[in-house]
């Protein structure tokens, strides 16, 4: 993902490294063709058209060439050129010539209308010169020779279009010091260790099957228990905050999405239509808001005294995501959204925003996401947004006012709004410092008008309500994927699918273990017995690998004393504890969601 040169402190370093890498590649492949190479989050890349496929050994050679360039202390020299001068300069580089033609027509490097001026400029270091707006460091010697690493090779179509030539992309990462690089590499390794796709299989939570289809997860009993605990907690909190849970099904007439404006914006990501007749076409439901708004209408005449009305639904939605974009649970085709819609009067927006904000904050902090920021996502210049300037101005002003009223620090993100209105997106950091967009509050003046929603005001006249769209965890599947990685599969006791494993040392303790399992289950604890023939240490090790919070070991002494020997998944041995004391401890831990 490209980054902003103004906000990213590593932009100049990584942009400069990308040019140095391109020079080193052309030194090895003089006939190579160069495409584009922007800085991205945590690194940079460059696309090349080369005479042969690259290998990992090539990356080592390219790195050596880069270090030689850095040692030369070559300055990065900027200059502006005319289109004709640029065509002469890059006469042997077809991708650059295409870029130059686009720049001359006011297009950016991706072939889209440029947001600003399209001045043609270059940067040069040593013998390498490239089309570039910059910025760069002053010279190559400012780049730490032990602060970068080339990470991988991938295929990429020119300008992302599969009809264009396929290029070879080299990814690299660059930092201000070897210590920063080492920390980044450690985090990457830790991220691989925490990968929810791997842990999901190891912990027996979910699977994907070619027989069912890509992007359609299958949850095991343990996985469904985890989902149930997640959703039950949010339901509990929402009920406490005055939300009413509804159900609006899985299939909707296509014409409803044409009325709401979703059809034109999201048609490509909807599953193909199911046609009953020429006038009756259905779609698998890709979003909830039109259904909730229809339910509002069908419930009869609403008075201003009835508002706010808060609908909540854990609804399974279906989006026909491109197969290349699917990624474990974090990008699927069947997703369960904790969707809420608040129907309110304009004068209630601030109050309802504050209520939703407090709810989101409570839930995120319970899940140990206490480090988060808020993006104010606004309308951009794209044509995807429903046109209604008055409604957009009202919504943006209302959301800004609510954010300011509650003292919420935010940054503006133009072009990230929903098609019908601005939104406050909550971006949380996990334990590895990675950012995830989890929660959202959106202000919508447009859809209620399009779908004919009304309430009778204090003046006894019809008025259109405002709708706040609100999601706390976003989708169950994606949030579960994030949680698995955030906790590395070691969930807090209240979430853990299996909270304790009873481990009898011999068959003589089996009857006691079964009675104890029933006793623990009676107070709401999820407990299993390892009745395998393995030795005790093997059973303990297996429970630790399954990241079960408590292992309760039972021998003759524990049975006679009415106790259990308690071990934690961390390996800590708490020794023998009376069963009543363990129950009190565990129940309190679950109740407090510690």
Protein backbone atom coordinates (compact mmCIF):
# COMPACT_ATOMS: atom_id res chain seq x y z
CA UNK A 1 0.00 0.00 0.00
CA UNK A 2 1.59 3.35 -1.04
CA UNK A 3 2.22 5.79 1.78
CA UNK A 4 1.97 9.56 2.20
CA UNK A 5 5.33 11.33 1.83
CA UNK A 6 4.17 14.02 4.26
CA UNK A 7 3.18 11.70 7.11
CA UNK A 8 5.60 8.78 6.78
CA UNK A 9 8.96 9.54 8.46
CA UNK A 10 10.64 6.75 6.46
CA UNK A 11 9.39 7.89 3.06
CA UNK A 12 12.60 9.57 1.89
CA UNK A 13 14.77 6.70 3.08
CA UNK A 14 12.69 4.01 1.40
CA UNK A 15 12.14 6.01 -1.77
CA UNK A 16 15.89 6.46 -2.04
CA UNK A 17 16.46 2.75 -1.40
CA UNK A 18 14.05 1.88 -4.22
CA UNK A 19 16.14 3.92 -6.69
CA UNK A 20 19.37 2.39 -5.42
CA UNK A 21 17.87 -1.08 -5.84
CA UNK A 22 16.81 -0.29 -9.41
CA UNK A 23 20.35 0.86 -10.24
CA UNK A 24 21.80 -2.35 -8.76
CA UNK A 25 19.34 -4.49 -10.76
CA UNK A 26 20.22 -2.77 -14.03
CA UNK A 27 23.91 -3.26 -13.28
CA UNK A 28 23.23 -7.03 -13.32
CA UNK A 29 20.68 -6.90 -16.17
CA UNK A 30 21.72 -3.98 -18.43
CA UNK A 31 18.90 -4.74 -20.91
CA UNK A 32 16.28 -4.78 -18.14
CA UNK A 33 13.20 -2.60 -18.32
CA UNK A 34 12.10 -0.58 -15.29
CA UNK A 35 8.49 0.14 -14.31
CA UNK A 36 7.57 1.90 -11.04
CA UNK A 37 8.88 1.59 -7.48
CA UNK A 38 7.10 3.44 -4.68
CA UNK A 39 7.67 3.35 -0.94
CA UNK A 40 5.02 1.32 0.85
CA UNK A 41 4.19 0.58 4.47
CA UNK A 42 7.36 -0.78 6.12
CA UNK A 43 9.33 -0.86 2.88
CA UNK A 44 9.45 -0.37 -0.86
CA UNK A 45 9.23 -2.29 -4.11
CA UNK A 46 10.20 -1.96 -7.77
CA UNK A 47 8.77 -3.72 -10.83
CA UNK A 48 11.11 -4.97 -13.57
CA UNK A 49 10.86 -6.64 -16.97
CA UNK A 50 13.97 -8.86 -16.99
CA UNK A 51 15.40 -11.46 -19.38
CA UNK A 52 15.02 -14.31 -16.85
CA UNK A 53 13.21 -15.13 -13.61
CA UNK A 54 14.94 -13.90 -10.46
CA UNK A 55 16.08 -16.29 -7.73
CA UNK A 56 16.83 -15.78 -4.00
CA UNK A 57 20.55 -15.79 -4.88
CA UNK A 58 19.92 -12.77 -7.10
CA UNK A 59 18.60 -10.85 -4.10
CA UNK A 60 21.90 -11.35 -2.27
CA UNK A 61 23.83 -10.09 -5.30
CA UNK A 62 21.54 -7.08 -5.66
CA UNK A 63 22.03 -6.24 -1.97
CA UNK A 64 25.82 -6.29 -2.44
CA UNK A 65 25.46 -3.96 -5.41
CA UNK A 66 23.26 -1.61 -3.38
CA UNK A 67 25.83 -1.38 -0.59
CA UNK A 68 28.52 -0.47 -3.12
CA UNK A 69 26.29 2.36 -4.39
CA UNK A 70 25.66 3.60 -0.85
CA UNK A 71 29.39 3.76 -0.22
CA UNK A 72 29.75 6.14 -3.17
CA UNK A 73 27.87 8.95 -1.36
CA UNK A 74 26.18 9.89 -4.64
CA UNK A 75 23.87 12.92 -4.40
CA UNK A 76 20.20 12.61 -5.43
CA UNK A 77 19.83 15.33 -8.10
CA UNK A 78 16.40 16.67 -9.10
CA UNK A 79 15.53 18.29 -12.42
CA UNK A 80 12.43 19.14 -14.44
CA UNK A 81 12.27 18.09 -18.10
CA UNK A 82 9.86 18.52 -20.96
CA UNK A 83 7.92 15.58 -22.32
CA UNK A 84 10.13 15.51 -25.44
CA UNK A 85 13.31 15.58 -23.34
CA UNK A 86 11.96 12.77 -21.20
CA UNK A 87 11.12 10.66 -24.26
CA UNK A 88 14.71 10.97 -25.48
CA UNK A 89 16.11 10.23 -22.03
CA UNK A 90 14.01 7.06 -21.63
CA UNK A 91 13.88 6.01 -25.28
CA UNK A 92 14.86 2.41 -24.36
CA UNK A 93 12.38 2.12 -21.49
CA UNK A 94 8.85 1.37 -22.83
CA UNK A 95 7.11 1.58 -19.45
CA UNK A 96 8.62 4.99 -18.81
CA UNK A 97 7.52 6.17 -22.25
CA UNK A 98 3.96 5.12 -21.43
CA UNK A 99 4.15 7.05 -18.16
CA UNK A 100 5.50 10.12 -19.96
CA UNK A 101 2.63 10.04 -22.46
CA UNK A 102 0.20 9.84 -19.55
CA UNK A 103 1.84 12.69 -17.65
CA UNK A 104 1.62 14.82 -20.77
CA UNK A 105 -2.17 14.16 -20.74
CA UNK A 106 -2.58 14.94 -17.03
CA UNK A 107 -2.63 11.31 -15.81
CA UNK A 108 -0.77 9.81 -12.85
CA UNK A 109 1.46 6.72 -12.84
CA UNK A 110 -1.60 4.45 -12.52
CA UNK A 111 -3.34 5.96 -15.55
CA UNK A 112 -5.89 7.88 -13.44
CA UNK A 113 -6.57 11.62 -13.56
CA UNK A 114 -3.83 13.25 -11.50
CA UNK A 115 -4.86 15.15 -8.37
CA UNK A 116 -2.26 17.88 -8.87
CA UNK A 117 0.11 19.24 -11.48
CA UNK A 118 1.77 16.70 -13.76
CA UNK A 119 5.21 18.25 -13.99
CA UNK A 120 7.67 15.79 -15.52
CA UNK A 121 10.74 15.51 -13.33
CA UNK A 122 13.57 13.10 -12.65
CA UNK A 123 16.00 12.16 -9.91
CA UNK A 124 19.51 10.94 -10.61
CA UNK A 125 22.14 9.25 -8.47
CA UNK A 126 25.43 8.10 -10.00
CA UNK A 127 24.56 6.55 -13.41
CA UNK A 128 20.87 5.91 -12.68
CA UNK A 129 18.10 8.38 -13.56
CA UNK A 130 14.38 7.82 -13.22
CA UNK A 131 11.08 9.64 -13.59
CA UNK A 132 10.29 10.80 -10.10
CA UNK A 133 8.62 13.55 -8.07
CA UNK A 134 10.64 12.71 -4.95
CA UNK A 135 11.38 13.49 -2.25
CA UNK A 136 14.68 11.73 -1.55
CA UNK A 137 17.55 11.93 0.90
CA UNK A 138 20.44 14.25 0.05
CA UNK A 139 22.85 11.46 -0.94
CA UNK A 140 23.20 7.67 -0.84
CA UNK A 141 25.60 7.80 2.10
CA UNK A 142 22.70 8.76 4.37
CA UNK A 143 21.24 5.26 3.97
CA UNK A 144 22.53 2.83 6.65
CA UNK A 145 24.16 -0.10 4.79
CA UNK A 146 22.96 -2.54 7.47
CA UNK A 147 19.46 -1.06 7.78
CA UNK A 148 17.81 -2.65 4.74
CA UNK A 149 17.00 -6.10 3.38
CA UNK A 150 15.44 -7.40 0.16
CA UNK A 151 12.60 -9.62 1.27
CA UNK A 152 10.91 -11.39 -1.62
CA UNK A 153 10.13 -11.69 -5.34
CA UNK A 154 6.59 -11.66 -6.71
CA UNK A 155 4.76 -11.37 -9.99
CA UNK A 156 2.83 -8.20 -10.79
CA UNK A 157 0.97 -7.06 -13.88
CA UNK A 158 1.92 -3.68 -15.26
CA UNK A 159 -0.50 -1.19 -13.72
CA UNK A 160 -2.34 -4.06 -12.05
CA UNK A 161 -4.09 -5.11 -15.27
CA UNK A 162 -3.88 -8.82 -16.16
CA UNK A 163 -4.12 -7.86 -19.84
CA UNK A 164 -0.74 -6.13 -19.50
CA UNK A 165 2.72 -7.78 -19.34
CA UNK A 166 3.61 -9.58 -16.13
CA UNK A 167 6.61 -8.07 -14.38
CA UNK A 168 8.87 -9.19 -11.55
CA UNK A 169 8.46 -7.25 -8.32
CA UNK A 170 11.21 -7.08 -5.71
CA UNK A 171 10.09 -6.17 -2.20
CA UNK A 172 12.47 -4.66 0.33
CA UNK A 173 12.36 -3.12 3.77
CA UNK A 174 14.44 -0.18 5.00
CA UNK A 175 15.07 1.35 8.42
CA UNK A 176 17.26 3.95 10.10
CA UNK A 177 19.48 1.38 11.82
CA UNK A 178 20.30 -2.31 12.08
CA UNK A 179 18.48 -2.39 15.43
CA UNK A 180 15.26 -1.13 13.79
CA UNK A 181 15.66 -3.65 10.97
CA UNK A 182 16.21 -6.50 13.43
CA UNK A 183 13.11 -5.47 15.39
CA UNK A 184 11.06 -5.41 12.18
CA UNK A 185 12.31 -8.86 11.14
CA UNK A 186 11.51 -10.17 14.61
CA UNK A 187 7.97 -8.80 14.30
CA UNK A 188 7.57 -10.44 10.89
CA UNK A 189 8.65 -13.77 12.34
CA UNK A 190 6.31 -13.28 15.28
CA UNK A 191 3.50 -12.44 12.84
CA UNK A 192 4.18 -15.70 10.97
CA UNK A 193 4.07 -17.57 14.28
CA UNK A 194 0.75 -15.91 15.11
CA UNK A 195 -0.77 -16.32 11.61
CA UNK A 196 -4.43 -17.10 12.28
CA UNK A 197 -4.60 -19.46 9.29
CA UNK A 198 -1.95 -21.72 10.81
CA UNK A 199 -3.19 -21.40 14.39
CA UNK A 200 -6.78 -21.98 13.30
CA UNK A 201 -5.81 -25.43 12.04
CA UNK A 202 -3.48 -26.24 14.94
CA UNK A 203 -6.10 -25.29 17.51
CA UNK A 204 -8.89 -26.99 15.57
CA UNK A 205 -11.01 -23.84 15.17
CA UNK A 206 -11.85 -23.63 11.45
CA UNK A 207 -11.01 -25.02 8.04
CA UNK A 208 -11.43 -24.13 4.38
CA UNK A 209 -12.36 -26.81 1.87
CA UNK A 210 -12.28 -26.87 -1.92
CA UNK A 211 -15.48 -28.92 -1.77
CA UNK A 212 -17.33 -26.02 -0.13
CA UNK A 213 -15.51 -23.25 -1.98
CA UNK A 214 -12.96 -20.46 -1.47
CA UNK A 215 -13.68 -17.79 1.11
CA UNK A 216 -16.30 -19.92 2.91
CA UNK A 217 -14.95 -20.98 6.32
CA UNK A 218 -16.12 -24.08 8.18
CA UNK A 219 -16.07 -23.69 11.97
CA UNK A 220 -15.53 -26.66 14.28
CA UNK A 221 -17.33 -26.99 17.64
CA UNK A 222 -14.40 -25.16 19.27
CA UNK A 223 -14.45 -22.45 16.63
CA UNK A 224 -18.20 -22.00 16.94
CA UNK A 225 -17.87 -21.79 20.73
CA UNK A 226 -15.32 -18.99 20.29
CA UNK A 227 -17.65 -17.18 17.84
CA UNK A 228 -20.55 -17.65 20.25
CA UNK A 229 -18.62 -16.14 23.16
CA UNK A 230 -17.53 -13.17 21.05
CA UNK A 231 -21.02 -12.45 19.75
CA UNK A 232 -22.74 -13.10 23.08
CA UNK A 233 -20.53 -10.55 24.79
CA UNK A 234 -21.32 -7.87 22.19
CA UNK A 235 -25.04 -8.72 22.39
CA UNK A 236 -24.89 -8.36 26.17
CA UNK A 237 -23.21 -4.95 25.95
CA UNK A 238 -25.56 -3.74 23.19
CA UNK A 239 -28.62 -4.75 25.21
CA UNK A 240 -27.26 -2.80 28.15
CA UNK A 241 -26.89 0.24 25.86
CA UNK A 242 -30.50 0.06 24.67
CA UNK A 243 -30.19 -1.85 21.38
CA UNK A 244 -32.93 -4.21 20.18
CA UNK A 245 -31.87 -7.26 18.20
CA UNK A 246 -33.70 -8.04 14.97
CA UNK A 247 -33.41 -10.56 12.13
CA UNK A 248 -33.86 -9.71 8.44
CA UNK A 249 -32.86 -12.86 6.55
CA UNK A 250 -30.27 -13.69 3.90
CA UNK A 251 -31.95 -12.90 0.55
CA UNK A 252 -33.32 -9.55 -0.66
CA UNK A 253 -34.95 -8.29 -3.83
CA UNK A 254 -32.40 -6.61 -6.07
CA UNK A 255 -34.69 -3.60 -6.59
CA UNK A 256 -34.20 -2.56 -2.93
CA UNK A 257 -30.48 -2.04 -3.55
CA UNK A 258 -31.28 0.06 -6.61
CA UNK A 259 -33.44 2.30 -4.45
CA UNK A 260 -30.81 2.61 -1.71
CA UNK A 261 -27.93 3.32 -4.14
CA UNK A 262 -25.92 0.20 -3.24
CA UNK A 263 -26.57 -1.53 -6.57
CA UNK A 264 -24.55 0.91 -8.66
CA UNK A 265 -21.70 1.07 -6.13
CA UNK A 266 -21.43 -2.59 -5.12
CA UNK A 267 -22.89 -4.62 -7.98
CA UNK A 268 -19.50 -6.11 -8.85
CA UNK A 269 -19.06 -7.49 -5.33
CA UNK A 270 -22.57 -8.99 -5.13
CA UNK A 271 -23.15 -12.67 -5.83
CA UNK A 272 -24.88 -13.32 -9.15
CA UNK A 273 -28.67 -12.73 -9.17
CA UNK A 274 -31.29 -15.40 -8.57
CA UNK A 275 -34.08 -14.78 -11.07
CA UNK A 276 -37.63 -15.95 -10.33
CA UNK A 277 -39.24 -13.85 -13.03
CA UNK A 278 -38.51 -10.73 -15.03
CA UNK A 279 -39.83 -8.56 -12.22
CA UNK A 280 -38.53 -10.60 -9.29
CA UNK A 281 -34.75 -10.80 -9.01
CA UNK A 282 -33.09 -11.70 -5.70
CA UNK A 283 -29.57 -11.21 -4.33
CA UNK A 284 -27.79 -12.82 -1.44
CA UNK A 285 -27.71 -9.99 1.10
CA UNK A 286 -24.38 -8.07 0.93
CA UNK A 287 -25.34 -5.41 3.53
CA UNK A 288 -28.01 -4.87 6.18
CA UNK A 289 -28.93 -1.20 6.09
CA UNK A 290 -31.68 -1.30 3.40
CA UNK A 291 -33.33 -4.24 5.21
CA UNK A 292 -33.23 -2.47 8.58
CA UNK A 293 -34.66 0.68 7.03
CA UNK A 294 -37.43 -1.35 5.40
CA UNK A 295 -38.20 -2.93 8.77
CA UNK A 296 -38.42 0.56 10.29
CA UNK A 297 -41.04 1.49 7.66
CA UNK A 298 -43.04 -1.72 8.06
CA UNK A 299 -43.35 -1.25 11.83
CA UNK A 300 -45.82 1.59 11.24
CA UNK A 301 -45.93 5.30 12.02
CA UNK A 302 -43.15 6.51 14.32
CA UNK A 303 -43.43 9.53 16.58
CA UNK A 304 -40.53 11.79 17.49
CA UNK A 305 -41.03 10.38 20.99
CA UNK A 306 -40.15 6.87 19.70
CA UNK A 307 -36.68 7.97 18.67
CA UNK A 308 -33.93 6.99 18.96
CA UNK A 309 -34.68 3.45 17.79
CA UNK A 310 -31.65 1.15 17.78
CA UNK A 311 -31.67 -2.04 15.67
CA UNK A 312 -28.87 -4.59 16.00
CA UNK A 313 -28.34 -7.81 14.04
CA UNK A 314 -25.64 -10.46 13.71
CA UNK A 315 -26.40 -11.14 10.05
CA UNK A 316 -24.53 -13.37 7.63
CA UNK A 317 -23.75 -11.37 4.49
CA UNK A 318 -22.33 -12.53 1.16
CA UNK A 319 -19.82 -10.65 -0.94
CA UNK A 320 -18.32 -12.02 -4.13
CA UNK A 321 -14.75 -11.01 -3.33
CA UNK A 322 -12.11 -11.56 -6.00
CA UNK A 323 -10.39 -14.88 -5.32
CA UNK A 324 -6.98 -13.18 -5.25
CA UNK A 325 -8.13 -10.93 -2.39
CA UNK A 326 -9.28 -13.77 -0.10
CA UNK A 327 -7.12 -14.19 2.99
CA UNK A 328 -8.05 -16.65 5.72
CA UNK A 329 -10.76 -15.23 7.96
CA UNK A 330 -9.81 -11.61 7.39
CA UNK A 331 -11.21 -11.58 3.82
CA UNK A 332 -14.02 -14.04 3.15
CA UNK A 333 -17.15 -14.35 1.01
CA UNK A 334 -19.54 -15.30 3.82
CA UNK A 335 -19.25 -12.91 6.75
CA UNK A 336 -21.26 -12.23 9.90
CA UNK A 337 -21.55 -8.54 10.67
CA UNK A 338 -22.47 -7.05 14.04
CA UNK A 339 -24.49 -4.41 12.27
CA UNK A 340 -26.50 -1.72 14.06
CA UNK A 341 -28.64 1.13 12.77
CA UNK A 342 -29.80 3.97 14.97
CA UNK A 343 -32.82 5.92 13.77
CA UNK A 344 -32.81 9.33 15.42
CA UNK A 345 -33.72 13.00 15.08
CA UNK A 346 -31.01 15.44 13.92
CA UNK A 347 -30.82 16.92 17.43
CA UNK A 348 -30.00 13.46 18.83
CA UNK A 349 -26.91 12.79 16.68
CA UNK A 350 -24.35 13.96 19.24
CA UNK A 351 -25.94 12.01 22.07
CA UNK A 352 -26.18 8.83 19.99
CA UNK A 353 -22.61 9.20 18.74
CA UNK A 354 -21.43 9.48 22.34
CA UNK A 355 -23.37 6.37 23.33
CA UNK A 356 -21.94 4.39 20.39
CA UNK A 357 -18.45 5.72 21.12
CA UNK A 358 -18.62 4.59 24.75
CA UNK A 359 -19.89 1.16 23.69
CA UNK A 360 -17.06 0.73 21.18
CA UNK A 361 -14.47 1.88 23.69
CA UNK A 362 -15.74 -0.58 26.32
CA UNK A 363 -15.66 -3.53 23.91
CA UNK A 364 -12.25 -2.74 22.43
CA UNK A 365 -10.68 -2.33 25.85
CA UNK A 366 -12.17 -5.65 27.00
CA UNK A 367 -10.48 -7.29 24.02
CA UNK A 368 -7.21 -5.55 25.01
CA UNK A 369 -7.25 -3.07 22.12
CA UNK A 370 -6.63 0.01 24.24
CA UNK A 371 -4.34 1.64 21.66
CA UNK A 372 -6.46 2.98 18.81
CA UNK A 373 -6.98 6.10 16.75
CA UNK A 374 -9.96 7.51 14.87
CA UNK A 375 -10.05 8.44 11.19
CA UNK A 376 -12.72 10.86 9.99
CA UNK A 377 -13.41 9.30 6.60
CA UNK A 378 -14.76 11.91 4.19
CA UNK A 379 -16.09 12.04 0.65
CA UNK A 380 -13.44 12.16 -2.08
CA UNK A 381 -13.48 13.15 -5.73
CA UNK A 382 -14.46 9.72 -7.04
CA UNK A 383 -17.86 9.26 -8.65
CA UNK A 384 -18.80 6.37 -6.35
CA UNK A 385 -20.55 8.61 -3.81
CA UNK A 386 -24.31 9.23 -3.91
CA UNK A 387 -24.77 12.82 -5.05
CA UNK A 388 -26.47 15.07 -2.49
CA UNK A 389 -24.23 17.95 -1.45
CA UNK A 390 -26.64 19.27 1.17
CA UNK A 391 -26.90 15.88 2.88
CA UNK A 392 -23.13 15.37 2.77
CA UNK A 393 -22.50 18.79 4.32
CA UNK A 394 -25.02 18.09 7.09
CA UNK A 395 -23.52 14.67 7.81
CA UNK A 396 -19.89 15.82 7.82
CA UNK A 397 -20.66 18.79 10.05
CA UNK A 398 -22.66 16.60 12.44
CA UNK A 399 -19.90 14.01 12.72
CA UNK A 400 -17.18 16.62 13.24
CA UNK A 401 -19.28 18.31 15.91
CA UNK A 402 -19.85 14.99 17.70
CA UNK A 403 -16.15 14.08 17.60
CA UNK A 404 -15.18 17.50 18.95
CA UNK A 405 -17.91 17.44 21.62
CA UNK A 406 -16.61 14.17 23.07
CA UNK A 407 -12.97 15.22 22.79
CA UNK A 408 -12.10 12.47 20.31
CA UNK A 409 -8.78 13.08 18.57
CA UNK A 410 -9.03 12.26 14.88
CA UNK A 411 -7.36 12.75 11.53
CA UNK A 412 -9.18 13.34 8.27
CA UNK A 413 -9.12 10.68 5.55
CA UNK A 414 -10.58 12.06 2.29
CA UNK A 415 -11.93 9.46 -0.10
CA UNK A 416 -12.60 6.82 2.59
CA UNK A 417 -16.27 7.62 3.32
CA UNK A 418 -19.13 5.20 2.71
CA UNK A 419 -21.12 5.88 -0.48
CA UNK A 420 -23.90 7.55 1.53
CA UNK A 421 -22.03 9.45 4.23
CA UNK A 422 -18.91 10.16 6.30
CA UNK A 423 -17.74 7.85 9.07
CA UNK A 424 -15.52 7.65 12.12
CA UNK A 425 -13.33 4.58 11.73
CA UNK A 426 -11.57 3.12 14.77
CA UNK A 427 -8.09 1.86 13.86
CA UNK A 428 -6.69 -0.37 16.62
CA UNK A 429 -3.11 -1.57 17.12
CA UNK A 430 -2.50 -5.19 18.06
CA UNK A 431 0.36 -6.42 20.23
CA UNK A 432 2.72 -6.32 17.24
CA UNK A 433 1.84 -2.70 16.46
CA UNK A 434 -0.12 -3.60 13.31
CA UNK A 435 -3.18 -1.50 12.58
CA UNK A 436 -6.65 -2.96 11.98
CA UNK A 437 -9.80 -1.05 11.11
CA UNK A 438 -12.30 -2.61 13.50
CA UNK A 439 -15.19 -0.35 14.52
CA UNK A 440 -17.09 2.36 12.71
CA UNK A 441 -19.81 4.98 13.26
CA UNK A 442 -21.36 6.45 10.10
CA UNK A 443 -23.81 9.34 9.67
CA UNK A 444 -26.38 8.93 6.89
CA UNK A 445 -28.88 11.57 5.75
CA UNK A 446 -29.18 10.11 2.24
CA UNK A 447 -30.55 6.54 2.45
CA UNK A 448 -33.44 7.44 4.78
CA UNK A 449 -34.59 9.97 2.16
CA UNK A 450 -34.18 7.56 -0.75
CA UNK A 451 -36.13 4.82 1.04
CA UNK A 452 -38.90 7.12 2.27
CA UNK A 453 -38.36 6.88 6.03
CA UNK A 454 -40.42 9.23 8.20
CA UNK A 455 -41.38 10.10 11.72
CA UNK A 456 -44.03 12.51 12.95
CA UNK A 457 -42.37 15.51 14.57
CA UNK A 458 -43.44 17.64 17.48
CA UNK A 459 -45.07 19.93 14.89
CA UNK A 460 -47.26 17.00 13.79
CA UNK A 461 -45.55 17.05 10.37
CA UNK A 462 -43.57 14.22 8.68
CA UNK A 463 -39.77 14.41 8.95
CA UNK A 464 -36.94 12.18 7.72
CA UNK A 465 -34.85 10.54 10.46
CA UNK A 466 -31.07 10.41 10.43
CA UNK A 467 -29.50 6.94 10.51
CA UNK A 468 -26.25 6.17 12.30
CA UNK A 469 -24.63 2.97 11.02
CA UNK A 470 -22.51 1.38 13.73
CA UNK A 471 -20.37 -1.75 13.97
CA UNK A 472 -18.20 -2.69 16.95
CA UNK A 473 -16.25 -5.76 15.83
CA UNK A 474 -17.01 -5.28 12.13
CA UNK A 475 -17.41 -8.90 11.06
CA UNK A 476 -17.13 -11.91 13.34
CA UNK A 477 -14.79 -13.73 10.94
CA UNK A 478 -12.35 -10.89 10.45
CA UNK A 479 -12.37 -9.93 14.11
CA UNK A 480 -11.77 -13.55 15.06
CA UNK A 481 -8.77 -13.68 12.72
CA UNK A 482 -7.40 -10.51 14.32
CA UNK A 483 -8.05 -11.86 17.83
CA UNK A 484 -6.25 -15.14 17.13
CA UNK A 485 -3.16 -13.20 16.09
CA UNK A 486 -3.52 -10.60 18.85
CA UNK A 487 -3.58 -13.30 21.56
CA UNK A 488 -1.45 -15.81 19.57
CA UNK A 489 -4.31 -18.25 20.16
CA UNK A 490 -3.94 -18.00 23.96
CA UNK A 491 -7.36 -16.49 24.62
CA UNK A 492 -8.38 -15.10 28.00
CA UNK A 493 -10.35 -17.59 30.08
CA UNK A 494 -13.78 -16.14 29.26
CA UNK A 495 -13.16 -16.57 25.52
CA UNK A 496 -11.24 -19.87 25.48
CA UNK A 497 -13.25 -22.66 23.77
CA UNK A 498 -11.91 -25.13 26.36
CA UNK A 499 -11.18 -23.46 29.67
CA UNK A 500 -9.71 -26.38 31.61
CA UNK A 501 -8.39 -29.85 30.81
CA UNK A 502 -8.78 -32.52 33.47
CA UNK A 503 -5.79 -34.85 33.45
CA UNK A 504 -6.20 -38.03 35.51
CA UNK A 505 -2.83 -39.68 36.14
CA UNK A 506 -4.30 -43.20 36.00
CA UNK A 507 -7.63 -44.83 35.27
CA UNK A 508 -8.25 -44.99 39.01
CA UNK A 509 -9.00 -41.24 38.99
CA UNK A 510 -11.35 -41.38 36.00
CA UNK A 511 -14.57 -41.56 37.99
CA UNK A 512 -13.49 -38.59 40.10
CA UNK A 513 -12.53 -36.68 36.93
CA UNK A 514 -15.96 -37.29 35.40
CA UNK A 515 -17.75 -36.11 38.54
CA UNK A 516 -15.50 -33.05 38.65
CA UNK A 517 -16.19 -32.28 34.99
CA UNK A 518 -19.93 -32.31 35.69
CA UNK A 519 -19.45 -30.09 38.73
CA UNK A 520 -17.40 -27.53 36.79
CA UNK A 521 -19.84 -27.59 33.88
CA UNK A 522 -22.69 -26.88 36.30
CA UNK A 523 -21.13 -23.50 37.12
CA UNK A 524 -20.69 -22.70 33.42
CA UNK A 525 -17.05 -23.73 32.86
CA UNK A 526 -16.07 -25.49 29.63
CA UNK A 527 -14.04 -28.53 30.64
CA UNK A 528 -12.75 -31.68 28.93
CA UNK A 529 -11.04 -34.85 30.17
CA UNK A 530 -7.90 -36.23 28.56
CA UNK A 531 -8.62 -39.93 28.92
CA UNK A 532 -5.88 -41.05 26.53
CA UNK A 533 -3.29 -43.67 27.46
CA UNK A 534 -0.46 -41.11 27.24
CA UNK A 535 1.77 -40.32 30.19
CA UNK A 536 0.90 -37.28 32.32
CA UNK A 537 3.67 -35.10 30.86
CA UNK A 538 2.45 -35.87 27.35
CA UNK A 539 -1.08 -34.85 28.30
CA UNK A 540 0.16 -31.61 29.84
CA UNK A 541 2.22 -30.84 26.76
CA UNK A 542 -0.76 -31.46 24.46
CA UNK A 543 -2.98 -29.15 26.51
CA UNK A 544 -0.29 -26.46 26.43
CA UNK A 545 -0.03 -26.75 22.64
CA UNK A 546 -3.82 -26.33 22.49
CA UNK A 547 -3.32 -23.19 24.64
CA UNK A 548 -5.88 -24.33 27.21
CA UNK A 549 -5.72 -21.90 30.17
CA UNK A 550 -5.86 -24.46 33.00
CA UNK A 551 -4.61 -28.04 33.34
CA UNK A 552 -6.15 -29.78 36.36
CA UNK A 553 -4.06 -32.82 37.27
CA UNK A 554 -5.66 -35.51 39.43
CA UNK A 555 -3.73 -38.17 41.32
CA UNK A 556 -4.53 -40.18 44.41
CA UNK A 557 -3.60 -37.32 46.76
CA UNK A 558 -5.81 -34.80 44.93
CA UNK A 559 -8.72 -37.25 44.83
CA UNK A 560 -8.49 -37.97 48.55
CA UNK A 561 -8.21 -34.24 49.41
CA UNK A 562 -11.01 -33.09 47.06
CA UNK A 563 -8.45 -30.97 45.19
CA UNK A 564 -6.78 -30.51 41.82
CA UNK A 565 -3.13 -29.78 41.00
CA UNK A 566 -3.32 -26.66 38.82
CA UNK A 567 -0.93 -25.79 36.03
CA UNK A 568 -1.18 -22.86 33.65
CA UNK A 569 -0.54 -22.99 29.92
CA UNK A 570 2.52 -20.80 30.57
CA UNK A 571 4.07 -23.72 32.46
CA UNK A 572 3.57 -22.19 35.91
CA UNK A 573 2.67 -24.80 38.57
CA UNK A 574 0.21 -23.48 41.18
CA UNK A 575 0.22 -26.73 43.15
CA UNK A 576 -2.76 -28.44 44.76
CA UNK A 577 -5.87 -26.26 45.24
CA UNK A 578 -9.21 -27.29 46.78
CA UNK A 579 -11.83 -27.70 44.08
CA UNK A 580 -14.06 -25.05 45.68
CA UNK A 581 -11.18 -22.55 45.61
CA UNK A 582 -10.43 -23.30 41.96
CA UNK A 583 -14.09 -22.84 41.02
CA UNK A 584 -14.22 -19.51 42.85
CA UNK A 585 -11.03 -18.38 41.09
CA UNK A 586 -12.15 -19.46 37.61
CA UNK A 587 -15.70 -18.14 37.88
CA UNK A 588 -14.47 -14.75 39.04
CA UNK A 589 -11.91 -14.65 36.21
CA UNK A 590 -14.64 -15.35 33.66
CA UNK A 591 -17.04 -12.87 35.24
CA UNK A 592 -14.48 -10.05 35.23
CA UNK A 593 -13.28 -10.93 31.70
CA UNK A 594 -9.76 -10.46 33.00
